[in-house]
């Protein structure tokens, strides 16, 4: 994960984009070293490993990283079913 600020924002509620023209997806992030777990408030389509997840707090870009893996859960989280991705720092090929 690469942060715009010098330090990670820690575990927070924010928004993520995994596609250029996609609307912001509300999420919760959990930071663990250089990796971040992004848990979406509602299921989303086309979250694809190898693409980038970019995190926002309103209009402010927090940072981004390569999606390492996508996962689904039927357990209720927040207002809907949890879905998310693990992102890490890395370079695109």
Protein backbone atom coordinates (compact mmCIF):
# COMPACT_ATOMS: atom_id res chain seq x y z
CA UNK A 1 0.00 0.00 0.00
CA UNK A 2 1.28 3.45 -0.82
CA UNK A 3 -0.03 6.32 1.29
CA UNK A 4 -0.21 9.96 0.19
CA UNK A 5 0.59 11.12 3.73
CA UNK A 6 3.77 9.94 5.41
CA UNK A 7 1.82 7.63 7.73
CA UNK A 8 -1.07 5.22 7.32
CA UNK A 9 -4.42 6.59 8.52
CA UNK A 10 -4.95 3.44 10.60
CA UNK A 11 -8.22 1.55 10.72
CA UNK A 12 -10.95 3.88 9.42
CA UNK A 13 -14.21 4.12 7.50
CA UNK A 14 -13.61 5.60 4.05
CA UNK A 15 -14.37 4.87 0.38
CA UNK A 16 -12.61 2.83 -2.29
CA UNK A 17 -12.57 2.80 -6.09
CA UNK A 18 -11.46 -0.25 -8.03
CA UNK A 19 -12.45 1.12 -11.46
CA UNK A 20 -11.75 4.56 -12.99
CA UNK A 21 -15.36 5.74 -13.49
CA UNK A 22 -16.80 3.80 -10.59
CA UNK A 23 -18.76 5.53 -7.85
CA UNK A 24 -17.12 5.55 -4.43
CA UNK A 25 -17.78 2.33 -2.51
CA UNK A 26 -18.16 2.87 1.27
CA UNK A 27 -15.80 0.60 3.16
CA UNK A 28 -13.80 -0.02 6.34
CA UNK A 29 -10.05 -0.54 6.14
CA UNK A 30 -7.82 -2.45 8.53
CA UNK A 31 -4.11 -1.75 8.23
CA UNK A 32 -1.60 -4.53 9.00
CA UNK A 33 1.94 -3.43 8.20
CA UNK A 34 2.20 -2.87 4.46
CA UNK A 35 -1.13 -4.60 3.74
CA UNK A 36 -4.69 -3.34 4.03
CA UNK A 37 -7.93 -5.30 4.28
CA UNK A 38 -10.79 -3.43 2.63
CA UNK A 39 -14.26 -4.55 3.72
CA UNK A 40 -17.05 -3.10 1.60
CA UNK A 41 -20.33 -2.07 3.21
CA UNK A 42 -22.19 -3.77 0.34
CA UNK A 43 -21.18 -6.33 -2.30
CA UNK A 44 -19.56 -4.95 -5.46
CA UNK A 45 -18.90 -6.34 -8.91
CA UNK A 46 -15.59 -6.60 -10.72
CA UNK A 47 -13.17 -6.40 -7.80
CA UNK A 48 -10.22 -8.03 -9.57
CA UNK A 49 -6.79 -9.07 -8.26
CA UNK A 50 -4.00 -7.24 -10.09
CA UNK A 51 -5.97 -4.01 -10.42
CA UNK A 52 -5.62 -1.06 -8.06
CA UNK A 53 -7.76 -0.13 -5.09
CA UNK A 54 -7.61 3.62 -4.38
CA UNK A 55 -8.86 4.88 -1.01
CA UNK A 56 -10.58 8.23 -0.42
CA UNK A 57 -11.75 10.27 2.54
CA UNK A 58 -14.26 12.54 0.81
CA UNK A 59 -12.33 14.27 -1.99
CA UNK A 60 -8.95 13.49 -0.40
CA UNK A 61 -6.99 10.57 -1.83
CA UNK A 62 -5.49 8.52 1.03
CA UNK A 63 -3.45 6.17 -1.15
CA UNK A 64 -3.71 2.96 -3.10
CA UNK A 65 -2.32 -0.45 -3.78
CA UNK A 66 -2.61 -3.53 -5.96
CA UNK A 67 -5.53 -5.85 -5.14
CA UNK A 68 -3.89 -9.08 -3.98
CA UNK A 69 -7.07 -11.13 -3.59
CA UNK A 70 -10.84 -10.80 -3.53
CA UNK A 71 -13.06 -12.50 -0.98
CA UNK A 72 -16.77 -12.83 -0.21
CA UNK A 73 -18.65 -13.50 2.98
CA UNK A 74 -22.30 -14.26 3.61
CA UNK A 75 -21.97 -12.93 7.16
CA UNK A 76 -23.85 -9.68 7.66
CA UNK A 77 -21.53 -6.68 8.06
CA UNK A 78 -22.87 -3.18 8.48
CA UNK A 79 -25.84 -2.77 6.15
CA UNK A 80 -25.31 -5.77 3.89
CA UNK A 81 -23.15 -8.73 3.06
CA UNK A 82 -19.45 -8.24 3.45
CA UNK A 83 -17.19 -8.35 0.44
CA UNK A 84 -13.74 -6.97 0.03
CA UNK A 85 -10.18 -7.24 -1.04
CA UNK A 86 -6.69 -7.34 0.37
CA UNK A 87 -4.37 -4.73 -1.14
CA UNK A 88 -0.62 -4.39 -0.81
CA UNK A 89 2.21 -2.29 -2.16
CA UNK A 90 3.50 -3.50 -5.44
CA UNK A 91 4.16 -2.64 -9.02
CA UNK A 92 1.96 -3.43 -11.94
CA UNK A 93 3.53 -5.47 -14.72
